[in-house]
């Protein structure tokens, strides 16, 4: 149910997804949602956001496994290109969908903030491991996330992956420049 909620949230948003939608998508029996999520839709949204955040962080760790932060951008681009094309440009990021709940569901927004922070830490740690100074590493990590998320929004609106391609190319230049400055290239 958590995975189904995450898939539906990225296409419909949290408010646009009902328990009935999650049950239909997951094939779970009706009573199970109330058994597992006594906190209702808020709890489901928090857990789906947490799960998606952990999934993204695990993907980032895997992409950074070879020690090439600039090369990891290619992995992010390829993954999002597949997601966007397979969904006919309807799927966005679950973490962004959770963030947009803000005023209605502050705890869901807070969970999204934790997910973004974890992703930033993984990226910044990879840059620090290549001798990029701490504050610069954190700034680049923030830039990567903000740029990729923004490119996904543009790609959805324009129904093409060109924004993601352009942003990814620029991010690679920024990262390679920072690595060169640190003497890590």
Protein backbone atom coordinates (compact mmCIF):
# COMPACT_ATOMS: atom_id res chain seq x y z
CA UNK A 1 0.00 0.00 0.00
CA UNK A 2 2.89 2.36 0.77
CA UNK A 3 4.48 1.81 -2.63
CA UNK A 4 1.12 2.21 -4.36
CA UNK A 5 0.48 5.44 -2.47
CA UNK A 6 3.89 6.76 -3.54
CA UNK A 7 3.24 5.92 -7.20
CA UNK A 8 -0.17 7.58 -7.09
CA UNK A 9 1.08 10.64 -5.17
CA UNK A 10 3.69 11.38 -7.82
CA UNK A 11 1.00 11.39 -10.51
CA UNK A 12 -2.02 12.83 -8.65
CA UNK A 13 -0.59 14.52 -5.58
CA UNK A 14 -1.45 13.62 -2.02
CA UNK A 15 -4.83 15.38 -1.96
CA UNK A 16 -5.74 13.95 -5.36
CA UNK A 17 -5.25 10.38 -4.14
CA UNK A 18 -7.89 8.64 -2.02
CA UNK A 19 -7.72 5.53 0.12
CA UNK A 20 -9.90 3.85 -2.52
CA UNK A 21 -7.31 4.70 -5.19
CA UNK A 22 -4.54 3.16 -3.06
CA UNK A 23 -6.60 0.04 -2.40
CA UNK A 24 -7.43 -0.38 -6.08
CA UNK A 25 -3.81 0.12 -7.14
CA UNK A 26 -2.35 -2.17 -4.47
CA UNK A 27 -5.07 -4.83 -4.52
CA UNK A 28 -5.18 -4.76 -0.72
CA UNK A 29 -8.44 -5.54 1.07
CA UNK A 30 -10.39 -2.53 2.34
CA UNK A 31 -10.00 -3.30 6.04
CA UNK A 32 -6.22 -3.50 5.81
CA UNK A 33 -5.75 0.22 5.27
CA UNK A 34 -7.39 1.10 8.59
CA UNK A 35 -5.54 -1.72 10.33
CA UNK A 36 -2.11 -0.52 9.13
CA UNK A 37 -2.77 3.22 9.09
CA UNK A 38 -4.72 4.14 12.20
CA UNK A 39 -3.49 7.71 11.67
CA UNK A 40 -5.46 7.81 8.43
CA UNK A 41 -4.32 9.39 5.21
CA UNK A 42 -1.76 11.55 7.02
CA UNK A 43 0.03 8.48 8.31
CA UNK A 44 -0.11 6.83 4.88
CA UNK A 45 1.30 9.98 3.26
CA UNK A 46 4.09 10.22 5.85
CA UNK A 47 5.06 6.59 5.39
CA UNK A 48 4.89 6.75 1.59
CA UNK A 49 7.04 9.90 1.63
CA UNK A 50 9.53 8.29 4.01
CA UNK A 51 9.67 5.16 1.82
CA UNK A 52 10.17 7.25 -1.33
CA UNK A 53 12.89 9.28 0.38
CA UNK A 54 14.73 6.12 1.40
CA UNK A 55 14.37 4.80 -2.15
CA UNK A 56 15.83 8.02 -3.60
CA UNK A 57 18.72 8.04 -1.12
CA UNK A 58 19.49 4.38 -1.89
CA UNK A 59 19.48 5.23 -5.59
CA UNK A 60 21.80 8.16 -5.00
CA UNK A 61 24.18 5.99 -2.96
CA UNK A 62 24.22 3.41 -5.77
CA UNK A 63 24.79 6.10 -8.41
CA UNK A 64 27.67 7.50 -6.37
CA UNK A 65 29.16 4.07 -5.70
CA UNK A 66 31.92 4.46 -8.29
CA UNK A 67 33.06 7.73 -6.68
CA UNK A 68 32.11 9.95 -9.61
CA UNK A 69 29.60 12.60 -8.49
CA UNK A 70 29.40 14.08 -12.00
CA UNK A 71 28.68 10.65 -13.47
CA UNK A 72 25.89 10.14 -10.95
CA UNK A 73 24.02 12.97 -12.66
CA UNK A 74 23.76 10.74 -15.75
CA UNK A 75 22.11 8.08 -13.62
CA UNK A 76 19.58 10.56 -12.24
CA UNK A 77 18.84 11.85 -15.75
CA UNK A 78 18.39 8.34 -17.16
CA UNK A 79 16.07 7.30 -14.32
CA UNK A 80 13.90 10.39 -14.63
CA UNK A 81 13.83 10.17 -18.41
CA UNK A 82 12.43 6.63 -18.10
CA UNK A 83 9.89 7.65 -15.46
CA UNK A 84 8.71 10.67 -17.41
CA UNK A 85 8.39 8.84 -20.72
CA UNK A 86 6.70 5.75 -19.23
CA UNK A 87 4.15 7.92 -17.46
CA UNK A 88 3.57 10.12 -20.51
CA UNK A 89 4.97 13.00 -18.43
CA UNK A 90 2.41 12.66 -15.64
CA UNK A 91 4.77 11.38 -12.93
CA UNK A 92 6.75 13.75 -10.77
CA UNK A 93 8.64 13.35 -7.54
CA UNK A 94 6.78 11.94 -4.55
CA UNK A 95 8.83 14.15 -2.23
CA UNK A 96 7.74 17.27 -4.10
CA UNK A 97 4.10 16.11 -3.99
CA UNK A 98 4.42 15.69 -0.22
CA UNK A 99 6.08 19.10 0.12
CA UNK A 100 3.18 20.79 -1.63
CA UNK A 101 0.83 19.57 1.10
CA UNK A 102 2.43 22.16 3.41
CA UNK A 103 -0.45 23.93 5.13
CA UNK A 104 -2.87 20.98 4.97
CA UNK A 105 -0.42 18.33 6.21
CA UNK A 106 2.58 19.87 8.01
CA UNK A 107 3.85 16.48 9.21
CA UNK A 108 3.91 15.19 5.62
CA UNK A 109 5.82 18.30 4.53
CA UNK A 110 8.25 17.76 7.42
CA UNK A 111 8.81 14.16 6.30
CA UNK A 112 9.54 15.48 2.80
CA UNK A 113 12.03 17.94 4.27
CA UNK A 114 13.81 15.09 6.03
CA UNK A 115 13.97 13.14 2.75
CA UNK A 116 15.45 16.10 0.88
CA UNK A 117 17.96 16.63 3.70
CA UNK A 118 19.06 12.98 3.55
CA UNK A 119 19.53 13.22 -0.22
CA UNK A 120 21.55 16.42 0.21
CA UNK A 121 23.76 14.75 2.80
CA UNK A 122 24.53 11.80 0.52
CA UNK A 123 25.49 14.13 -2.33
CA UNK A 124 27.49 16.47 -0.10
CA UNK A 125 29.31 13.54 1.52
CA UNK A 126 30.32 12.25 -1.92
CA UNK A 127 31.74 15.67 -2.82
CA UNK A 128 33.51 16.05 0.53
CA UNK A 129 35.04 12.61 -0.01
CA UNK A 130 36.61 14.07 -3.16
CA UNK A 131 38.01 17.03 -1.16
CA UNK A 132 35.38 19.61 -2.08
CA UNK A 133 35.16 21.89 1.00
CA UNK A 134 32.13 21.26 3.24
CA UNK A 135 30.11 24.43 2.61
CA UNK A 136 30.70 24.22 -1.15
CA UNK A 137 29.79 20.53 -1.17
CA UNK A 138 26.51 21.27 0.62
CA UNK A 139 25.71 24.14 -1.76
CA UNK A 140 26.32 21.96 -4.80
CA UNK A 141 24.18 19.19 -3.31
CA UNK A 142 21.35 21.70 -2.82
CA UNK A 143 21.84 22.96 -6.38
CA UNK A 144 21.67 19.42 -7.76
CA UNK A 145 18.41 18.61 -6.01
CA UNK A 146 16.74 21.95 -6.75
CA UNK A 147 17.85 21.81 -10.38
CA UNK A 148 16.76 18.23 -11.01
CA UNK A 149 13.41 18.78 -9.31
CA UNK A 150 12.86 21.97 -11.28
CA UNK A 151 13.85 20.25 -14.52
CA UNK A 152 11.31 17.51 -13.81
CA UNK A 153 8.58 20.12 -13.41
CA UNK A 154 9.62 21.81 -16.67
CA UNK A 155 9.80 18.48 -18.49
CA UNK A 156 6.29 17.61 -17.34
CA UNK A 157 4.95 20.99 -18.42
CA UNK A 158 6.75 20.92 -21.78
CA UNK A 159 6.19 17.18 -22.25
CA UNK A 160 9.80 16.68 -23.25
CA UNK A 161 13.03 15.70 -21.52
CA UNK A 162 15.11 18.57 -22.94
CA UNK A 163 14.99 20.58 -19.67
CA UNK A 164 16.31 17.57 -17.78
CA UNK A 165 19.06 17.05 -20.36
CA UNK A 166 20.18 20.69 -20.26
CA UNK A 167 20.13 20.90 -16.47
CA UNK A 168 22.02 17.61 -16.15
CA UNK A 169 24.75 18.84 -18.51
CA UNK A 170 25.15 22.06 -16.52
CA UNK A 171 25.23 20.23 -13.21
CA UNK A 172 28.01 18.01 -14.50
CA UNK A 173 30.02 21.12 -15.45
CA UNK A 174 29.52 22.59 -11.98
CA UNK A 175 30.54 19.37 -10.26
CA UNK A 176 33.57 18.82 -12.47
CA UNK A 177 34.61 22.43 -11.85
CA UNK A 178 34.34 21.97 -8.09
CA UNK A 179 36.32 18.73 -8.28
CA UNK A 180 39.00 20.44 -10.37
CA UNK A 181 39.21 23.29 -7.86
CA UNK A 182 39.65 20.72 -5.10
CA UNK A 183 42.35 18.94 -7.10
CA UNK A 184 40.24 15.79 -7.22
CA UNK A 185 40.16 15.39 -11.02
